[in-house]
Amino acid sequence: MKHLRRILGLTALMFAWLTAHPADAEPPSRHSISLDGEWQFRMDPQREGDAGKWFELGGDFPDRIKVPGNWQAQGFGEPVRLVRNNYQGLAWYRRTIEVPNGWKGQRI
């Protein structure tokens, strides 16, 4: 659970920072990479992720989800209405990004 909190916490912090500091408002020397787009996604209703070490690379993340976005509006969980579903629980997100070589040695 500690790893999940760390991953989700860091992801949320990074997302909040990137959205609060748009690239066009930053000085030219500041670089950023948008984390918007498709992410690997896996619901964890049984809380198996920590014990199963889902935080390690590899493993099965069978679903894809758009970020930013809402789980239920993207069809995750039990259908309860025409457009929305219901899921209350844990979920894991994973995405690989490439950090440009020119950023080496810089604080990012």
PDB file of N, CA and C in Angstrom:
ATOM      1  N   MET A   1       0.819  -1.181   0.000  1.00  0.00           N
ATOM      2  CA  MET A   1       0.000   0.000   0.000  1.00  0.00           C
ATOM      3  C   MET A   1       0.872   1.259   0.000  1.00  0.00           C
ATOM      4  N   LYS A   2       2.024   1.155   0.673  1.00  0.00           N
ATOM      5  CA  LYS A   2       2.929   2.288   0.736  1.00  0.00           C
ATOM      6  C   LYS A   2       3.399   2.682  -0.667  1.00  0.00           C
ATOM      7  N   HIS A   3       3.693   1.668  -1.509  1.00  0.00           N
ATOM      8  CA  HIS A   3       4.145   1.939  -2.866  1.00  0.00           C
ATOM      9  C   HIS A   3       3.035   2.567  -3.694  1.00  0.00           C
ATOM     10  N   LEU A   4       1.812   2.084  -3.535  1.00  0.00           N
ATOM     11  CA  LEU A   4       0.674   2.636  -4.266  1.00  0.00           C
ATOM     12  C   LEU A   4       0.478   4.092  -3.897  1.00  0.00           C
ATOM     13  N   ARG A   5       0.504   4.376  -2.606  1.00  0.00           N
ATOM     14  CA  ARG A   5       0.335   5.762  -2.168  1.00  0.00           C
ATOM     15  C   ARG A   5       1.442   6.635  -2.737  1.00  0.00           C
ATOM     16  N   ARG A   6       2.665   6.112  -2.731  1.00  0.00           N
ATOM     17  CA  ARG A   6       3.791   6.876  -3.252  1.00  0.00           C
ATOM     18  C   ARG A   6       3.615   7.130  -4.751  1.00  0.00           C
ATOM     19  N   ILE A   7       3.265   6.088  -5.516  1.00  0.00           N
ATOM     20  CA  ILE A   7       3.092   6.237  -6.956  1.00  0.00           C
ATOM     21  C   ILE A   7       1.950   7.192  -7.262  1.00  0.00           C
ATOM     22  N   LEU A   8       0.793   6.968  -6.642  1.00  0.00           N
ATOM     23  CA  LEU A   8      -0.353   7.829  -6.906  1.00  0.00           C
ATOM     24  C   LEU A   8      -0.097   9.242  -6.401  1.00  0.00           C
ATOM     25  N   GLY A   9       0.559   9.355  -5.253  1.00  0.00           N
ATOM     26  CA  GLY A   9       0.871  10.677  -4.720  1.00  0.00           C
ATOM     27  C   GLY A   9       1.813  11.446  -5.618  1.00  0.00           C
ATOM     28  N   LEU A  10       2.872  10.789  -6.095  1.00  0.00           N
ATOM     29  CA  LEU A  10       3.814  11.443  -6.990  1.00  0.00           C
ATOM     30  C   LEU A  10       3.162  11.777  -8.321  1.00  0.00           C
ATOM     31  N   THR A  11       2.330  10.871  -8.817  1.00  0.00           N
ATOM     32  CA  THR A  11       1.627  11.135 -10.075  1.00  0.00           C
ATOM     33  C   THR A  11       0.714  12.335  -9.921  1.00  0.00           C
ATOM     34  N   ALA A  12      -0.049  12.375  -8.833  1.00  0.00           N
ATOM     35  CA  ALA A  12      -0.961  13.497  -8.609  1.00  0.00           C
ATOM     36  C   ALA A  12      -0.181  14.794  -8.437  1.00  0.00           C
ATOM     37  N   LEU A  13       0.926  14.757  -7.699  1.00  0.00           N
ATOM     38  CA  LEU A  13       1.743  15.945  -7.494  1.00  0.00           C
ATOM     39  C   LEU A  13       2.314  16.432  -8.813  1.00  0.00           C
ATOM     40  N   MET A  14       2.854  15.506  -9.615  1.00  0.00           N
ATOM     41  CA  MET A  14       3.426  15.885 -10.896  1.00  0.00           C
ATOM     42  C   MET A  14       2.343  16.458 -11.812  1.00  0.00           C
ATOM     43  N   PHE A  15       1.169  15.818 -11.852  1.00  0.00           N
ATOM     44  CA  PHE A  15       0.073  16.288 -12.683  1.00  0.00           C
ATOM     45  C   PHE A  15      -0.365  17.684 -12.242  1.00  0.00           C
ATOM     46  N   ALA A  16      -0.522  17.884 -10.930  1.00  0.00           N
ATOM     47  CA  ALA A  16      -0.945  19.183 -10.415  1.00  0.00           C
ATOM     48  C   ALA A  16       0.085  20.258 -10.749  1.00  0.00           C
ATOM     49  N   TRP A  17       1.351  19.940 -10.606  1.00  0.00           N
ATOM     50  CA  TRP A  17       2.388  20.923 -10.903  1.00  0.00           C
ATOM     51  C   TRP A  17       2.406  21.274 -12.384  1.00  0.00           C
ATOM     52  N   LEU A  18       2.331  20.252 -13.236  1.00  0.00           N
ATOM     53  CA  LEU A  18       2.372  20.508 -14.677  1.00  0.00           C
ATOM     54  C   LEU A  18       1.159  21.298 -15.151  1.00  0.00           C
ATOM     55  N   THR A  19      -0.010  21.032 -14.595  1.00  0.00           N
ATOM     56  CA  THR A  19      -1.196  21.773 -15.026  1.00  0.00           C
ATOM     57  C   THR A  19      -1.222  23.177 -14.443  1.00  0.00           C
ATOM     58  N   ALA A  20      -0.571  23.390 -13.303  1.00  0.00           N
ATOM     59  CA  ALA A  20      -0.528  24.720 -12.700  1.00  0.00           C
ATOM     60  C   ALA A  20       0.545  25.603 -13.324  1.00  0.00           C
ATOM     61  N   HIS A  21       1.452  25.005 -14.070  1.00  0.00           N
ATOM     62  CA  HIS A  21       2.547  25.732 -14.695  1.00  0.00           C
ATOM     63  C   HIS A  21       2.572  25.440 -16.192  1.00  0.00           C
ATOM     64  N   PRO A  22       1.610  25.988 -16.966  1.00  0.00           N
ATOM     65  CA  PRO A  22       1.589  25.695 -18.395  1.00  0.00           C
ATOM     66  C   PRO A  22       2.867  26.152 -19.080  1.00  0.00           C
ATOM     67  N   ALA A  23       3.245  25.427 -20.112  1.00  0.00           N
ATOM     68  CA  ALA A  23       4.513  25.685 -20.809  1.00  0.00           C
ATOM     69  C   ALA A  23       4.597  27.103 -21.341  1.00  0.00           C
ATOM     70  N   ASP A  24       3.482  27.665 -21.837  1.00  0.00           N
ATOM     71  CA  ASP A  24       3.538  29.004 -22.412  1.00  0.00           C
ATOM     72  C   ASP A  24       3.683  30.104 -21.363  1.00  0.00           C
ATOM     73  N   ALA A  25       3.487  29.799 -20.074  1.00  0.00           N
ATOM     74  CA  ALA A  25       3.624  30.785 -19.016  1.00  0.00           C
ATOM     75  C   ALA A  25       4.985  30.704 -18.329  1.00  0.00           C
ATOM     76  N   GLU A  26       5.798  29.743 -18.696  1.00  0.00           N
ATOM     77  CA  GLU A  26       7.092  29.557 -18.042  1.00  0.00           C
ATOM     78  C   GLU A  26       8.201  30.255 -18.830  1.00  0.00           C
ATOM     79  N   PRO A  27       9.294  30.549 -18.153  1.00  0.00           N
ATOM     80  CA  PRO A  27      10.438  31.108 -18.857  1.00  0.00           C
ATOM     81  C   PRO A  27      10.927  30.126 -19.923  1.00  0.00           C
ATOM     82  N   PRO A  28      11.539  30.597 -20.994  1.00  0.00           N
ATOM     83  CA  PRO A  28      11.992  29.722 -22.073  1.00  0.00           C
ATOM     84  C   PRO A  28      12.948  28.620 -21.614  1.00  0.00           C
ATOM     85  N   SER A  29      13.661  28.812 -20.498  1.00  0.00           N
ATOM     86  CA  SER A  29      14.619  27.813 -20.049  1.00  0.00           C
ATOM     87  C   SER A  29      13.950  26.660 -19.299  1.00  0.00           C
ATOM     88  N   ARG A  30      12.654  26.743 -19.075  1.00  0.00           N
ATOM     89  CA  ARG A  30      11.936  25.718 -18.326  1.00  0.00           C
ATOM     90  C   ARG A  30      11.296  24.722 -19.283  1.00  0.00           C
ATOM     91  N   HIS A  31      11.541  23.441 -19.083  1.00  0.00           N
ATOM     92  CA  HIS A  31      10.999  22.410 -19.951  1.00  0.00           C
ATOM     93  C   HIS A  31       9.860  21.670 -19.258  1.00  0.00           C
ATOM     94  N   SER A  32       8.966  21.110 -20.056  1.00  0.00           N
ATOM     95  CA  SER A  32       7.910  20.283 -19.482  1.00  0.00           C
ATOM     96  C   SER A  32       7.474  19.233 -20.493  1.00  0.00           C
ATOM     97  N   ILE A  33       6.887  18.174 -19.980  1.00  0.00           N
ATOM     98  CA  ILE A  33       6.310  17.112 -20.797  1.00  0.00           C
ATOM     99  C   ILE A  33       4.878  16.936 -20.308  1.00  0.00           C
ATOM    100  N   SER A  34       3.937  17.003 -21.215  1.00  0.00           N
ATOM    101  CA  SER A  34       2.539  16.800 -20.836  1.00  0.00           C
ATOM    102  C   SER A  34       2.307  15.325 -20.511  1.00  0.00           C
ATOM    103  N   LEU A  35       1.592  15.081 -19.448  1.00  0.00           N
ATOM    104  CA  LEU A  35       1.229  13.716 -19.067  1.00  0.00           C
ATOM    105  C   LEU A  35      -0.192  13.370 -19.504  1.00  0.00           C
ATOM    106  N   ASP A  36      -0.829  14.278 -20.230  1.00  0.00           N
ATOM    107  CA  ASP A  36      -2.151  14.002 -20.780  1.00  0.00           C
ATOM    108  C   ASP A  36      -2.049  12.897 -21.816  1.00  0.00           C
ATOM    109  N   GLY A  37      -3.120  12.162 -21.972  1.00  0.00           N
ATOM    110  CA  GLY A  37      -3.157  11.142 -23.010  1.00  0.00           C
ATOM    111  C   GLY A  37      -3.536   9.783 -22.454  1.00  0.00           C
ATOM    112  N   GLU A  38      -3.155   8.768 -23.190  1.00  0.00           N
ATOM    113  CA  GLU A  38      -3.522   7.403 -22.817  1.00  0.00           C
ATOM    114  C   GLU A  38      -2.524   6.815 -21.819  1.00  0.00           C
ATOM    115  N   TRP A  39      -3.063   6.216 -20.770  1.00  0.00           N
ATOM    116  CA  TRP A  39      -2.278   5.543 -19.736  1.00  0.00           C
ATOM    117  C   TRP A  39      -2.715   4.089 -19.649  1.00  0.00           C
ATOM    118  N   GLN A  40      -1.821   3.224 -19.206  1.00  0.00           N
ATOM    119  CA  GLN A  40      -2.206   1.867 -18.839  1.00  0.00           C
ATOM    120  C   GLN A  40      -2.983   1.981 -17.532  1.00  0.00           C
ATOM    121  N   PHE A  41      -3.971   1.106 -17.360  1.00  0.00           N
ATOM    122  CA  PHE A  41      -4.877   1.248 -16.221  1.00  0.00           C
ATOM    123  C   PHE A  41      -5.295  -0.128 -15.739  1.00  0.00           C
ATOM    124  N   ARG A  42      -5.425  -0.265 -14.425  1.00  0.00           N
ATOM    125  CA  ARG A  42      -5.889  -1.528 -13.858  1.00  0.00           C
ATOM    126  C   ARG A  42      -6.623  -1.251 -12.553  1.00  0.00           C
ATOM    127  N   MET A  43      -7.881  -1.658 -12.510  1.00  0.00           N
ATOM    128  CA  MET A  43      -8.641  -1.518 -11.272  1.00  0.00           C
ATOM    129  C   MET A  43      -8.148  -2.559 -10.275  1.00  0.00           C
ATOM    130  N   ASP A  44      -8.221  -2.221  -8.997  1.00  0.00           N
ATOM    131  CA  ASP A  44      -7.736  -3.114  -7.939  1.00  0.00           C
ATOM    132  C   ASP A  44      -8.768  -3.243  -6.823  1.00  0.00           C
ATOM    133  N   PRO A  45      -9.954  -3.790  -7.130  1.00  0.00           N
ATOM    134  CA  PRO A  45     -11.007  -3.867  -6.114  1.00  0.00           C
ATOM    135  C   PRO A  45     -10.671  -4.793  -4.948  1.00  0.00           C
ATOM    136  N   GLN A  46      -9.796  -5.761  -5.150  1.00  0.00           N
ATOM    137  CA  GLN A  46      -9.426  -6.702  -4.086  1.00  0.00           C
ATOM    138  C   GLN A  46      -8.151  -6.284  -3.350  1.00  0.00           C
ATOM    139  N   ARG A  47      -7.591  -5.125  -3.710  1.00  0.00           N
ATOM    140  CA  ARG A  47      -6.371  -4.598  -3.083  1.00  0.00           C
ATOM    141  C   ARG A  47      -5.203  -5.583  -3.198  1.00  0.00           C
ATOM    142  N   GLU A  48      -5.016  -6.105  -4.395  1.00  0.00           N
ATOM    143  CA  GLU A  48      -3.950  -7.080  -4.648  1.00  0.00           C
ATOM    144  C   GLU A  48      -2.660  -6.442  -5.160  1.00  0.00           C
ATOM    145  N   GLY A  49      -2.727  -5.196  -5.562  1.00  0.00           N
ATOM    146  CA  GLY A  49      -1.607  -4.553  -6.239  1.00  0.00           C
ATOM    147  C   GLY A  49      -0.320  -4.486  -5.459  1.00  0.00           C
ATOM    148  N   ASP A  50      -0.403  -4.111  -4.195  1.00  0.00           N
ATOM    149  CA  ASP A  50       0.820  -4.026  -3.387  1.00  0.00           C
ATOM    150  C   ASP A  50       1.484  -5.386  -3.240  1.00  0.00           C
ATOM    151  N   ALA A  51       0.704  -6.387  -2.818  1.00  0.00           N
ATOM    152  CA  ALA A  51       1.258  -7.732  -2.627  1.00  0.00           C
ATOM    153  C   ALA A  51       1.742  -8.317  -3.951  1.00  0.00           C
ATOM    154  N   GLY A  52       1.050  -7.999  -5.032  1.00  0.00           N
ATOM    155  CA  GLY A  52       1.435  -8.491  -6.353  1.00  0.00           C
ATOM    156  C   GLY A  52       2.530  -7.674  -7.007  1.00  0.00           C
ATOM    157  N   LYS A  53       3.002  -6.629  -6.322  1.00  0.00           N
ATOM    158  CA  LYS A  53       4.073  -5.746  -6.815  1.00  0.00           C
ATOM    159  C   LYS A  53       3.754  -5.163  -8.188  1.00  0.00           C
ATOM    160  N   TRP A  54       2.529  -4.676  -8.320  1.00  0.00           N
ATOM    161  CA  TRP A  54       2.131  -4.058  -9.582  1.00  0.00           C
ATOM    162  C   TRP A  54       2.921  -2.790  -9.858  1.00  0.00           C
ATOM    163  N   PHE A  55       3.581  -2.247  -8.830  1.00  0.00           N
ATOM    164  CA  PHE A  55       4.381  -1.034  -8.994  1.00  0.00           C
ATOM    165  C   PHE A  55       5.669  -1.301  -9.762  1.00  0.00           C
ATOM    166  N   GLU A  56       6.058  -2.570  -9.879  1.00  0.00           N
ATOM    167  CA  GLU A  56       7.254  -2.895 -10.653  1.00  0.00           C
ATOM    168  C   GLU A  56       6.896  -2.915 -12.129  1.00  0.00           C
ATOM    169  N   LEU A  57       7.872  -2.622 -12.970  1.00  0.00           N
ATOM    170  CA  LEU A  57       7.623  -2.637 -14.409  1.00  0.00           C
ATOM    171  C   LEU A  57       7.270  -4.035 -14.860  1.00  0.00           C
ATOM    172  N   GLY A  58       6.507  -4.116 -15.913  1.00  0.00           N
ATOM    173  CA  GLY A  58       6.015  -5.401 -16.390  1.00  0.00           C
ATOM    174  C   GLY A  58       4.654  -5.650 -15.796  1.00  0.00           C
ATOM    175  N   GLY A  59       4.213  -6.864 -15.833  1.00  0.00           N
ATOM    176  CA  GLY A  59       2.898  -7.168 -15.289  1.00  0.00           C
ATOM    177  C   GLY A  59       1.800  -6.763 -16.248  1.00  0.00           C
ATOM    178  N   ASP A  60       0.613  -7.179 -15.930  1.00  0.00           N
ATOM    179  CA  ASP A  60      -0.515  -6.994 -16.824  1.00  0.00           C
ATOM    180  C   ASP A  60      -1.365  -5.801 -16.415  1.00  0.00           C
ATOM    181  N   PHE A  61      -1.378  -4.778 -17.221  1.00  0.00           N
ATOM    182  CA  PHE A  61      -2.284  -3.652 -17.093  1.00  0.00           C
ATOM    183  C   PHE A  61      -3.153  -3.685 -18.349  1.00  0.00           C
ATOM    184  N   PRO A  62      -4.249  -4.455 -18.307  1.00  0.00           N
ATOM    185  CA  PRO A  62      -4.990  -4.773 -19.525  1.00  0.00           C
ATOM    186  C   PRO A  62      -5.797  -3.624 -20.117  1.00  0.00           C
ATOM    187  N   ASP A  63      -6.093  -2.604 -19.329  1.00  0.00           N
ATOM    188  CA  ASP A  63      -6.966  -1.539 -19.812  1.00  0.00           C
ATOM    189  C   ASP A  63      -6.190  -0.273 -20.124  1.00  0.00           C
ATOM    190  N   ARG A  64      -6.832   0.601 -20.878  1.00  0.00           N
ATOM    191  CA  ARG A  64      -6.279   1.913 -21.201  1.00  0.00           C
ATOM    192  C   ARG A  64      -7.298   2.962 -20.769  1.00  0.00           C
ATOM    193  N   ILE A  65      -6.775   4.112 -20.313  1.00  0.00           N
ATOM    194  CA  ILE A  65      -7.650   5.184 -19.851  1.00  0.00           C
ATOM    195  C   ILE A  65      -7.057   6.508 -20.305  1.00  0.00           C
ATOM    196  N   LYS A  66      -7.917   7.462 -20.585  1.00  0.00           N
ATOM    197  CA  LYS A  66      -7.481   8.806 -20.985  1.00  0.00           C
ATOM    198  C   LYS A  66      -7.319   9.665 -19.742  1.00  0.00           C
ATOM    199  N   VAL A  67      -6.206  10.392 -19.687  1.00  0.00           N
ATOM    200  CA  VAL A  67      -5.914  11.320 -18.599  1.00  0.00           C
ATOM    201  C   VAL A  67      -5.737  12.701 -19.218  1.00  0.00           C
ATOM    202  N   PRO A  68      -6.352  13.750 -18.712  1.00  0.00           N
ATOM    203  CA  PRO A  68      -7.265  13.691 -17.578  1.00  0.00           C
ATOM    204  C   PRO A  68      -8.600  13.073 -17.999  1.00  0.00           C
ATOM    205  N   GLY A  69      -9.263  12.484 -17.046  1.00  0.00           N
ATOM    206  CA  GLY A  69     -10.542  11.864 -17.329  1.00  0.00           C
ATOM    207  C   GLY A  69     -11.106  11.192 -16.099  1.00  0.00           C
ATOM    208  N   ASN A  70     -12.326  10.771 -16.209  1.00  0.00           N
ATOM    209  CA  ASN A  70     -13.055  10.171 -15.107  1.00  0.00           C
ATOM    210  C   ASN A  70     -13.220   8.687 -15.373  1.00  0.00           C
ATOM    211  N   TRP A  71     -12.934   7.842 -14.382  1.00  0.00           N
ATOM    212  CA  TRP A  71     -13.053   6.385 -14.546  1.00  0.00           C
ATOM    213  C   TRP A  71     -14.424   6.002 -15.050  1.00  0.00           C
ATOM    214  N   GLN A  72     -15.434   6.451 -14.310  1.00  0.00           N
ATOM    215  CA  GLN A  72     -16.792   6.025 -14.586  1.00  0.00           C
ATOM    216  C   GLN A  72     -17.266   6.478 -15.966  1.00  0.00           C
ATOM    217  N   ALA A  73     -16.923   7.680 -16.358  1.00  0.00           N
ATOM    218  CA  ALA A  73     -17.337   8.190 -17.664  1.00  0.00           C
ATOM    219  C   ALA A  73     -16.638   7.441 -18.798  1.00  0.00           C
ATOM    220  N   GLN A  74     -15.547   6.747 -18.486  1.00  0.00           N
ATOM    221  CA  GLN A  74     -14.825   5.973 -19.499  1.00  0.00           C
ATOM    222  C   GLN A  74     -15.193   4.490 -19.449  1.00  0.00           C
ATOM    223  N   GLY A  75     -16.230   4.160 -18.695  1.00  0.00           N
ATOM    224  CA  GLY A  75     -16.771   2.802 -18.721  1.00  0.00           C
ATOM    225  C   GLY A  75     -16.241   1.843 -17.683  1.00  0.00           C
ATOM    226  N   PHE A  76     -15.506   2.322 -16.678  1.00  0.00           N
ATOM    227  CA  PHE A  76     -14.988   1.426 -15.650  1.00  0.00           C
ATOM    228  C   PHE A  76     -15.976   1.332 -14.499  1.00  0.00           C
ATOM    229  N   GLY A  77     -16.213   0.115 -14.035  1.00  0.00           N
ATOM    230  CA  GLY A  77     -17.153  -0.125 -12.954  1.00  0.00           C
ATOM    231  C   GLY A  77     -18.460  -0.682 -13.483  1.00  0.00           C
ATOM    232  N   GLU A  78     -19.379  -0.867 -12.572  1.00  0.00           N
ATOM    233  CA  GLU A  78     -20.689  -1.427 -12.912  1.00  0.00           C
ATOM    234  C   GLU A  78     -21.573  -0.348 -13.542  1.00  0.00           C
ATOM    235  N   PRO A  79     -22.245  -0.670 -14.645  1.00  0.00           N
ATOM    236  CA  PRO A  79     -23.154   0.316 -15.251  1.00  0.00           C
ATOM    237  C   PRO A  79     -24.295   0.666 -14.299  1.00  0.00           C
ATOM    238  N   VAL A  80     -24.540   1.959 -14.110  1.00  0.00           N
ATOM    239  CA  VAL A  80     -25.645   2.389 -13.256  1.00  0.00           C
ATOM    240  C   VAL A  80     -26.571   3.370 -13.964  1.00  0.00           C
ATOM    241  N   ARG A  81     -26.087   3.996 -15.005  1.00  0.00           N
ATOM    242  CA  ARG A  81     -26.899   4.937 -15.783  1.00  0.00           C
ATOM    243  C   ARG A  81     -26.507   4.803 -17.243  1.00  0.00           C
ATOM    244  N   LEU A  82     -27.133   5.598 -18.045  1.00  0.00           N
ATOM    245  CA  LEU A  82     -26.884   5.549 -19.474  1.00  0.00           C
ATOM    246  C   LEU A  82     -25.426   5.852 -19.822  1.00  0.00           C
ATOM    247  N   VAL A  83     -24.848   6.862 -19.193  1.00  0.00           N
ATOM    248  CA  VAL A  83     -23.502   7.306 -19.557  1.00  0.00           C
ATOM    249  C   VAL A  83     -22.452   6.966 -18.507  1.00  0.00           C
ATOM    250  N   ARG A  84     -22.849   6.725 -17.289  1.00  0.00           N
ATOM    251  CA  ARG A  84     -21.875   6.549 -16.207  1.00  0.00           C
ATOM    252  C   ARG A  84     -21.884   5.151 -15.622  1.00  0.00           C
ATOM    253  N   ASN A  85     -20.749   4.801 -15.075  1.00  0.00           N
ATOM    254  CA  ASN A  85     -20.592   3.559 -14.334  1.00  0.00           C
ATOM    255  C   ASN A  85     -20.232   3.916 -12.905  1.00  0.00           C
ATOM    256  N   ASN A  86     -20.125   2.911 -12.049  1.00  0.00           N
ATOM    257  CA  ASN A  86     -19.781   3.164 -10.656  1.00  0.00           C
ATOM    258  C   ASN A  86     -18.649   2.243 -10.236  1.00  0.00           C
ATOM    259  N   TYR A  87     -17.541   2.830  -9.825  1.00  0.00           N
ATOM    260  CA  TYR A  87     -16.444   2.072  -9.241  1.00  0.00           C
ATOM    261  C   TYR A  87     -15.889   2.883  -8.090  1.00  0.00           C
ATOM    262  N   GLN A  88     -15.910   2.319  -6.914  1.00  0.00           N
ATOM    263  CA  GLN A  88     -15.337   2.931  -5.718  1.00  0.00           C
ATOM    264  C   GLN A  88     -14.233   1.999  -5.244  1.00  0.00           C
ATOM    265  N   GLY A  89     -13.004   2.382  -5.416  1.00  0.00           N
ATOM    266  CA  GLY A  89     -11.908   1.526  -4.997  1.00  0.00           C
ATOM    267  C   GLY A  89     -10.585   2.028  -5.514  1.00  0.00           C
ATOM    268  N   LEU A  90      -9.594   1.170  -5.416  1.00  0.00           N
ATOM    269  CA  LEU A  90      -8.253   1.516  -5.854  1.00  0.00           C
ATOM    270  C   LEU A  90      -8.081   1.210  -7.334  1.00  0.00           C
ATOM    271  N   ALA A  91      -7.158   1.932  -7.944  1.00  0.00           N
ATOM    272  CA  ALA A  91      -6.789   1.663  -9.330  1.00  0.00           C
ATOM    273  C   ALA A  91      -5.344   2.099  -9.516  1.00  0.00           C
ATOM    274  N   TRP A  92      -4.706   1.513 -10.485  1.00  0.00           N
ATOM    275  CA  TRP A  92      -3.305   1.800 -10.789  1.00  0.00           C
ATOM    276  C   TRP A  92      -3.210   2.392 -12.185  1.00  0.00           C
ATOM    277  N   TYR A  93      -2.332   3.363 -12.319  1.00  0.00           N
ATOM    278  CA  TYR A  93      -2.028   3.982 -13.601  1.00  0.00           C
ATOM    279  C   TYR A  93      -0.547   3.760 -13.892  1.00  0.00           C
ATOM    280  N   ARG A  94      -0.210   3.594 -15.167  1.00  0.00           N
ATOM    281  CA  ARG A  94       1.204   3.457 -15.519  1.00  0.00           C
ATOM    282  C   ARG A  94       1.410   4.014 -16.923  1.00  0.00           C
ATOM    283  N   ARG A  95       2.494   4.733 -17.087  1.00  0.00           N
ATOM    284  CA  ARG A  95       2.844   5.282 -18.391  1.00  0.00           C
ATOM    285  C   ARG A  95       4.348   5.467 -18.439  1.00  0.00           C
ATOM    286  N   THR A  96       4.928   5.144 -19.564  1.00  0.00           N
ATOM    287  CA  THR A  96       6.355   5.357 -19.778  1.00  0.00           C
ATOM    288  C   THR A  96       6.531   6.638 -20.592  1.00  0.00           C
ATOM    289  N   ILE A  97       7.446   7.463 -20.163  1.00  0.00           N
ATOM    290  CA  ILE A  97       7.756   8.674 -20.932  1.00  0.00           C
ATOM    291  C   ILE A  97       9.250   8.676 -21.239  1.00  0.00           C
ATOM    292  N   GLU A  98       9.606   9.390 -22.269  1.00  0.00           N
ATOM    293  CA  GLU A  98      11.018   9.562 -22.598  1.00  0.00           C
ATOM    294  C   GLU A  98      11.440  10.957 -22.191  1.00  0.00           C
ATOM    295  N   VAL A  99      12.497  11.024 -21.419  1.00  0.00           N
ATOM    296  CA  VAL A  99      13.063  12.304 -21.018  1.00  0.00           C
ATOM    297  C   VAL A  99      14.117  12.667 -22.059  1.00  0.00           C
ATOM    298  N   PRO A 100      14.004  13.841 -22.679  1.00  0.00           N
ATOM    299  CA  PRO A 100      14.965  14.223 -23.714  1.00  0.00           C
ATOM    300  C   PRO A 100      16.404  14.200 -23.208  1.00  0.00           C
ATOM    301  N   ASN A 101      17.327  13.778 -24.062  1.00  0.00           N
ATOM    302  CA  ASN A 101      18.746  13.722 -23.693  1.00  0.00           C
ATOM    303  C   ASN A 101      19.272  15.067 -23.232  1.00  0.00           C
ATOM    304  N   GLY A 102      18.758  16.142 -23.801  1.00  0.00           N
ATOM    305  CA  GLY A 102      19.209  17.485 -23.443  1.00  0.00           C
ATOM    306  C   GLY A 102      18.877  17.878 -22.008  1.00  0.00           C
ATOM    307  N   TRP A 103      18.036  17.114 -21.343  1.00  0.00           N
ATOM    308  CA  TRP A 103      17.672  17.406 -19.962  1.00  0.00           C
ATOM    309  C   TRP A 103      18.621  16.747 -18.976  1.00  0.00           C
ATOM    310  N   LYS A 104      19.557  15.949 -19.468  1.00  0.00           N
ATOM    311  CA  LYS A 104      20.483  15.226 -18.589  1.00  0.00           C
ATOM    312  C   LYS A 104      21.232  16.208 -17.691  1.00  0.00           C
ATOM    313  N   GLY A 105      21.287  15.875 -16.410  1.00  0.00           N
ATOM    314  CA  GLY A 105      21.991  16.719 -15.445  1.00  0.00           C
ATOM    315  C   GLY A 105      21.176  17.896 -14.954  1.00  0.00           C
ATOM    316  N   GLN A 106      19.955  18.063 -15.477  1.00  0.00           N
ATOM    317  CA  GLN A 106      19.100  19.167 -15.043  1.00  0.00           C
ATOM    318  C   GLN A 106      18.082  18.677 -14.023  1.00  0.00           C
ATOM    319  N   ARG A 107      17.597  19.597 -13.241  1.00  0.00           N
ATOM    320  CA  ARG A 107      16.543  19.263 -12.297  1.00  0.00           C
ATOM    321  C   ARG A 107      15.219  19.194 -13.073  1.00  0.00           C
ATOM    322  N   ILE A 108      14.536  18.045 -12.936  1.00  0.00           N
ATOM    323  CA  ILE A 108      13.262  17.910 -13.651  1.00  0.00           C
ATOM    324  C   ILE A 108      12.194  17.391 -12.717  1.00  0.00           C
TER     325      ILE A 108
END
